[in-house]
Amino acid sequence: MGRKKILVIDDNTVNLATIEQELKEKYDVVPMISGRRAIKYLYCEKVDLILLDVQMPIMDGVETLYEIRKMENGTTVPVIFLTALKDKETVIAGSKLGILDYITKPFDGADLVNRIDAVFKKLGVLPTDDNDLLESMRTVLQYITLGKVKPAVIKVDEILRYQIDEEIAGRVRSVRGKLEDSDLTSAGNMVLRIIRMLEKKMGVDIKTAGVEINNRELSVKLLYILDELENYNTKGALERCHELKRYTLSEKITVNINLITELLVKYEDEEAEKLIKMMVDDLNKI
């Protein structure tokens, strides 16, 4: 597999140089100072992915992407937004135009590479490691547990685009069939079996890993996450979610934390709050 070509569009030359420096060891980078120049380039050349700054003069990122999607070389190219603002409306607008991710500035170079790799993995361009697959299957399980068939199917379809072992892929296809038949019990059992297979393959022993935490302490930490969300501090809430992962948690709690993290990344704060409150209520009943 040859090196992938990434088109970076940003009106700031310093940002362009920084991104090129971070990516050049792994990817071929084509820097563009404006949306108009990028569009002219795409009339003649193909790229594998676009990093697109949102806040640009004359033609901003949303307008640029709108024009790119009209072009033969831009209809299906994966796009990641780069934004200095945590603007939900902009993310929604980008989602309608098919962005696969967005990264808030300033960002860490290693994180940028990881996010690009994650997009290529979702598209089946790069192989997916077992850890990523395990986290994805846990997300599917949580959707099934909550009775959310549509998001479960969407996640399963994403997994089926991964480069994964055929035995696992066959089982995931079976999960999709059960979801289409609304057989959530069988689908959930199948997903659990896949999770067990992956854990065994990876040598994962969740019950003995991490720092011990009791239900009362866990409940308090979940309330801290709620407090962050009530103060519109999504970043703080995400950091607290990541902190929880160092503790020894049940599989159900682990799946819930992973789903909350995914919801927060997508700015679906209300759904995250509902799930957190449900978890706190369950813990208080024990």
Protein backbone atom coordinates (compact mmCIF):
# COMPACT_ATOMS: atom_id res chain seq x y z
CA MET A 1 0.00 0.00 0.00
CA GLY A 2 1.47 3.33 -1.12
CA ARG A 3 1.64 6.49 0.92
CA LYS A 4 -1.64 8.35 1.24
CA LYS A 5 -1.96 11.91 0.01
CA ILE A 6 -3.54 14.42 2.40
CA LEU A 7 -4.71 17.87 1.30
CA VAL A 8 -4.42 20.41 4.14
CA ILE A 9 -6.42 23.65 3.74
CA ASP A 10 -5.68 26.47 6.18
CA ASP A 11 -5.27 30.23 5.69
CA ASN A 12 -2.47 30.31 8.29
CA THR A 13 0.94 29.43 6.83
CA VAL A 14 2.35 28.58 10.25
CA ASN A 15 -0.43 26.05 10.80
CA LEU A 16 0.21 24.56 7.35
CA ALA A 17 3.91 24.18 8.06
CA THR A 18 3.26 22.65 11.50
CA ILE A 19 0.79 20.11 10.17
CA GLU A 20 3.08 19.20 7.27
CA GLN A 21 5.92 18.63 9.73
CA GLU A 22 3.74 16.38 11.90
CA LEU A 23 2.48 14.26 9.01
CA LYS A 24 5.36 14.11 6.53
CA GLU A 25 6.93 10.92 7.91
CA LYS A 26 3.77 8.94 7.29
CA TYR A 27 1.79 10.83 4.63
CA ASP A 28 2.35 12.96 1.54
CA VAL A 29 1.03 16.42 2.42
CA VAL A 30 -0.32 18.99 -0.05
CA PRO A 31 -0.71 22.38 1.72
CA MET A 32 -3.23 24.94 0.42
CA ILE A 33 -3.63 28.49 1.72
CA SER A 34 -7.29 28.90 0.73
CA GLY A 35 -10.43 27.02 -0.22
CA ARG A 36 -10.39 28.41 -3.75
CA ARG A 37 -6.86 27.13 -4.40
CA ALA A 38 -7.79 23.74 -3.02
CA ILE A 39 -10.81 23.53 -5.33
CA LYS A 40 -8.64 24.35 -8.36
CA TYR A 41 -6.20 21.64 -7.29
CA LEU A 42 -8.98 19.06 -6.97
CA TYR A 43 -10.14 19.70 -10.51
CA CYS A 44 -6.92 17.98 -11.66
CA GLU A 45 -5.71 15.84 -8.74
CA LYS A 46 -7.10 13.22 -6.37
CA VAL A 47 -6.32 13.02 -2.66
CA ASP A 48 -7.02 10.38 -0.02
CA LEU A 49 -8.14 12.73 2.76
CA ILE A 50 -8.69 16.45 3.40
CA LEU A 51 -7.87 18.35 6.60
CA LEU A 52 -10.02 21.47 6.34
CA ASP A 53 -9.81 24.55 8.56
CA VAL A 54 -13.25 25.97 9.34
CA GLN A 55 -12.43 29.60 10.23
CA MET A 56 -11.06 31.03 6.97
CA PRO A 57 -11.72 34.42 5.31
CA ILE A 58 -13.59 34.84 1.99
CA MET A 59 -14.56 31.15 1.81
CA ASP A 60 -14.82 29.32 5.12
CA GLY A 61 -14.52 25.58 5.65
CA VAL A 62 -18.23 24.79 5.30
CA GLU A 63 -18.50 26.77 2.06
CA THR A 64 -15.31 25.14 0.74
CA LEU A 65 -16.58 21.66 1.53
CA TYR A 66 -19.93 22.43 -0.11
CA GLU A 67 -18.09 23.24 -3.35
CA ILE A 68 -15.77 20.24 -3.02
CA ARG A 69 -18.71 17.87 -2.74
CA LYS A 70 -19.93 19.04 -6.16
CA MET A 71 -16.68 17.92 -7.80
CA GLU A 72 -15.81 14.52 -9.25
CA ASN A 73 -12.65 14.31 -7.14
CA GLY A 74 -14.39 15.54 -4.01
CA THR A 75 -17.68 13.67 -3.84
CA THR A 76 -16.54 10.90 -1.52
CA VAL A 77 -13.14 12.03 -0.24
CA PRO A 78 -12.99 11.76 3.58
CA VAL A 79 -12.79 15.11 5.37
CA ILE A 80 -11.72 16.10 8.88
CA PHE A 81 -12.60 19.59 10.10
CA LEU A 82 -10.02 21.63 11.99
CA THR A 83 -11.72 24.20 14.19
CA ALA A 84 -10.65 26.68 16.88
CA LEU A 85 -14.22 26.89 18.16
CA LYS A 86 -16.38 24.30 19.83
CA ASP A 87 -19.28 25.22 17.53
CA LYS A 88 -22.03 22.59 17.47
CA GLU A 89 -23.80 24.17 14.48
CA THR A 90 -20.62 24.04 12.40
CA VAL A 91 -20.09 20.38 13.27
CA ILE A 92 -23.69 19.61 12.31
CA ALA A 93 -23.28 21.48 9.02
CA GLY A 94 -20.10 19.53 8.35
CA SER A 95 -21.80 16.25 9.22
CA LYS A 96 -24.46 16.92 6.59
CA LEU A 97 -21.64 17.31 4.07
CA GLY A 98 -20.03 14.07 5.15
CA ILE A 99 -17.16 14.96 7.48
CA LEU A 100 -15.84 11.92 9.33
CA ASP A 101 -14.29 13.74 12.27
CA TYR A 102 -13.41 17.17 13.63
CA ILE A 103 -10.41 18.24 15.69
CA THR A 104 -10.38 21.26 17.98
CA LYS A 105 -7.33 23.54 17.89
CA PRO A 106 -4.80 23.56 19.38
CA PHE A 107 -4.16 19.85 18.94
CA ASP A 108 -1.33 17.46 19.69
CA GLY A 109 0.60 16.14 16.68
CA ALA A 110 0.35 12.52 17.81
CA ASP A 111 -3.40 12.89 18.32
CA LEU A 112 -3.75 14.33 14.80
CA VAL A 113 -2.00 11.29 13.30
CA ASN A 114 -4.12 8.94 15.41
CA ARG A 115 -7.35 10.62 14.32
CA ILE A 116 -6.34 10.42 10.66
CA ASP A 117 -5.45 6.74 11.11
CA ALA A 118 -8.82 6.16 12.79
CA VAL A 119 -10.65 7.57 9.76
CA PHE A 120 -8.65 5.38 7.39
CA LYS A 121 -9.40 2.36 9.59
CA LYS A 122 -13.13 3.13 9.48
CA LEU A 123 -12.91 3.22 5.70
CA GLY A 124 -11.05 -0.10 5.60
CA VAL A 125 -7.95 1.57 4.17
CA LEU A 126 -5.79 0.66 7.16
CA PRO A 127 -6.00 -2.53 9.26
CA THR A 128 -7.83 -2.12 12.56
CA ASP A 129 -6.07 -3.34 15.69
CA ASP A 130 -7.83 -5.59 18.18
CA ASN A 131 -8.09 -2.88 20.83
CA ASP A 132 -10.02 -0.54 18.50
CA LEU A 133 -12.25 -3.41 17.43
CA LEU A 134 -12.91 -4.37 21.05
CA GLU A 135 -13.96 -0.80 21.92
CA SER A 136 -16.25 -0.70 18.88
CA MET A 137 -17.92 -3.99 19.82
CA ARG A 138 -18.48 -2.71 23.36
CA THR A 139 -20.21 0.33 21.88
CA VAL A 140 -22.47 -1.95 19.83
CA LEU A 141 -23.31 -3.90 22.98
CA GLN A 142 -24.26 -0.72 24.82
CA TYR A 143 -26.56 0.41 22.01
CA ILE A 144 -28.23 -3.01 22.05
CA THR A 145 -28.59 -2.87 25.84
CA LEU A 146 -30.33 0.50 25.50
CA GLY A 147 -32.58 -0.84 22.75
CA LYS A 148 -31.10 1.56 20.19
CA VAL A 149 -31.20 -0.58 17.06
CA LYS A 150 -30.43 2.11 14.46
CA PRO A 151 -27.16 3.36 16.03
CA ALA A 152 -26.18 -0.27 16.68
CA VAL A 153 -26.65 -1.08 12.98
CA ILE A 154 -24.70 2.04 11.95
CA LYS A 155 -21.81 1.02 14.22
CA VAL A 156 -21.90 -2.55 12.93
CA ASP A 157 -21.79 -1.30 9.33
CA GLU A 158 -18.76 0.81 10.28
CA ILE A 159 -17.04 -2.25 11.76
CA LEU A 160 -17.74 -4.28 8.62
CA ARG A 161 -15.73 -1.74 6.62
CA TYR A 162 -12.69 -2.44 8.78
CA GLN A 163 -9.89 -4.73 7.69
CA ILE A 164 -10.54 -7.48 10.24
CA ASP A 165 -10.23 -11.24 10.60
CA GLU A 166 -12.83 -13.04 8.46
CA GLU A 167 -14.02 -15.16 11.37
CA ILE A 168 -14.81 -12.00 13.35
CA ALA A 169 -16.32 -10.33 10.27
CA GLY A 170 -18.64 -13.31 9.76
CA ARG A 171 -19.87 -13.10 13.33
CA VAL A 172 -20.41 -9.33 13.00
CA ARG A 173 -22.49 -9.94 9.86
CA SER A 174 -24.59 -12.37 11.89
CA VAL A 175 -25.10 -9.66 14.52
CA ARG A 176 -26.35 -7.33 11.81
CA GLY A 177 -28.82 -9.97 10.61
CA LYS A 178 -30.22 -10.38 14.13
CA LEU A 179 -30.55 -6.60 14.47
CA GLU A 180 -32.47 -6.43 11.20
CA ASP A 181 -34.80 -9.09 12.62
CA SER A 182 -35.11 -7.04 15.85
CA ASP A 183 -33.77 -10.02 17.80
CA LEU A 184 -31.83 -7.94 20.32
CA THR A 185 -31.26 -10.82 22.74
CA SER A 186 -29.49 -12.98 20.17
CA ALA A 187 -27.61 -9.97 18.78
CA GLY A 188 -26.42 -9.04 22.28
CA ASN A 189 -25.27 -12.60 23.01
CA MET A 190 -23.35 -12.71 19.73
CA VAL A 191 -21.65 -9.41 20.50
CA LEU A 192 -20.69 -10.66 23.97
CA ARG A 193 -19.12 -13.74 22.40
CA ILE A 194 -17.09 -11.58 20.00
CA ILE A 195 -15.96 -9.44 22.93
CA ARG A 196 -14.88 -12.56 24.85
CA MET A 197 -12.98 -13.82 21.79
CA LEU A 198 -11.12 -10.53 21.43
CA GLU A 199 -10.35 -10.32 25.15
CA LYS A 200 -8.96 -13.85 25.12
CA LYS A 201 -6.89 -13.11 22.03
CA MET A 202 -5.50 -9.94 23.62
CA GLY A 203 -4.98 -11.52 27.03
CA VAL A 204 -7.28 -8.95 28.60
CA ASP A 205 -8.37 -9.56 32.19
CA ILE A 206 -10.55 -6.60 33.08
CA LYS A 207 -11.46 -7.97 36.49
CA THR A 208 -7.88 -7.85 37.74
CA ALA A 209 -6.70 -4.72 35.89
CA GLY A 210 -6.59 -1.21 37.24
CA VAL A 211 -7.23 0.43 40.61
CA GLU A 212 -10.09 -0.74 42.82
CA ILE A 213 -13.08 1.58 43.28
CA ASN A 214 -16.30 1.02 45.22
CA ASN A 215 -19.79 1.93 44.03
CA ARG A 216 -20.05 5.03 46.21
CA GLU A 217 -16.77 6.45 44.90
CA LEU A 218 -17.78 5.62 41.33
CA SER A 219 -21.12 7.35 41.81
CA VAL A 220 -19.37 10.49 43.09
CA LYS A 221 -17.02 10.53 40.09
CA LEU A 222 -19.98 10.21 37.73
CA LEU A 223 -21.63 13.16 39.46
CA TYR A 224 -18.45 15.15 38.85
CA ILE A 225 -18.87 14.44 35.14
CA LEU A 226 -22.46 15.68 35.33
CA ASP A 227 -21.26 18.82 37.06
CA GLU A 228 -18.78 19.48 34.24
CA LEU A 229 -21.58 19.12 31.68
CA GLU A 230 -23.90 21.42 33.60
CA ASN A 231 -21.12 24.03 33.37
CA TYR A 232 -20.78 23.37 29.60
CA ASN A 233 -17.27 22.01 30.11
CA THR A 234 -17.33 19.09 27.69
CA LYS A 235 -13.53 18.84 27.66
CA GLY A 236 -13.47 18.50 31.44
CA ALA A 237 -16.16 15.82 31.29
CA LEU A 238 -14.15 13.89 28.71
CA GLU A 239 -11.02 14.08 30.86
CA ARG A 240 -12.94 12.68 33.84
CA CYS A 241 -14.26 9.84 31.65
CA HIS A 242 -10.71 8.95 30.63
CA GLU A 243 -9.63 9.04 34.29
CA LEU A 244 -12.28 6.46 35.16
CA LYS A 245 -10.75 3.97 32.75
CA ARG A 246 -7.78 3.44 35.07
CA TYR A 247 -10.08 1.80 37.63
CA THR A 248 -11.29 -1.78 37.79
CA LEU A 249 -14.81 -1.55 36.38
CA SER A 250 -17.43 -4.13 35.46
CA GLU A 251 -17.88 -4.77 31.76
CA LYS A 252 -21.25 -3.01 31.81
CA ILE A 253 -19.76 0.10 33.41
CA THR A 254 -16.82 0.04 31.00
CA VAL A 255 -19.17 -0.13 28.02
CA ASN A 256 -21.21 2.74 29.45
CA ILE A 257 -18.13 4.92 29.95
CA ASN A 258 -17.02 4.23 26.37
CA LEU A 259 -20.44 5.20 25.06
CA ILE A 260 -20.54 8.38 27.18
CA THR A 261 -17.13 9.31 25.76
CA GLU A 262 -18.37 8.77 22.22
CA LEU A 263 -21.50 10.86 22.88
CA LEU A 264 -19.46 13.72 24.31
CA VAL A 265 -17.08 13.71 21.36
CA LYS A 266 -20.15 14.16 19.14
CA TYR A 267 -21.51 16.95 21.44
CA GLU A 268 -24.53 14.82 22.32
CA ASP A 269 -24.37 16.10 25.89
CA GLU A 270 -28.03 15.48 26.75
CA GLU A 271 -27.83 11.80 25.80
CA ALA A 272 -24.62 11.50 27.83
CA GLU A 273 -26.30 13.12 30.84
CA LYS A 274 -29.23 10.68 30.64
CA LEU A 275 -26.90 7.71 30.60
CA ILE A 276 -24.83 9.04 33.51
CA LYS A 277 -27.96 9.65 35.62
CA MET A 278 -29.16 6.13 34.84
CA MET A 279 -25.79 4.73 35.96
CA VAL A 280 -25.85 6.74 39.20
CA ASP A 281 -29.39 5.55 39.95
CA ASP A 282 -28.35 1.93 39.36
CA LEU A 283 -25.31 2.28 41.62
CA ASN A 284 -27.39 3.83 44.40
CA LYS A 285 -29.75 0.83 44.29
CA ILE A 286 -26.92 -1.62 44.95
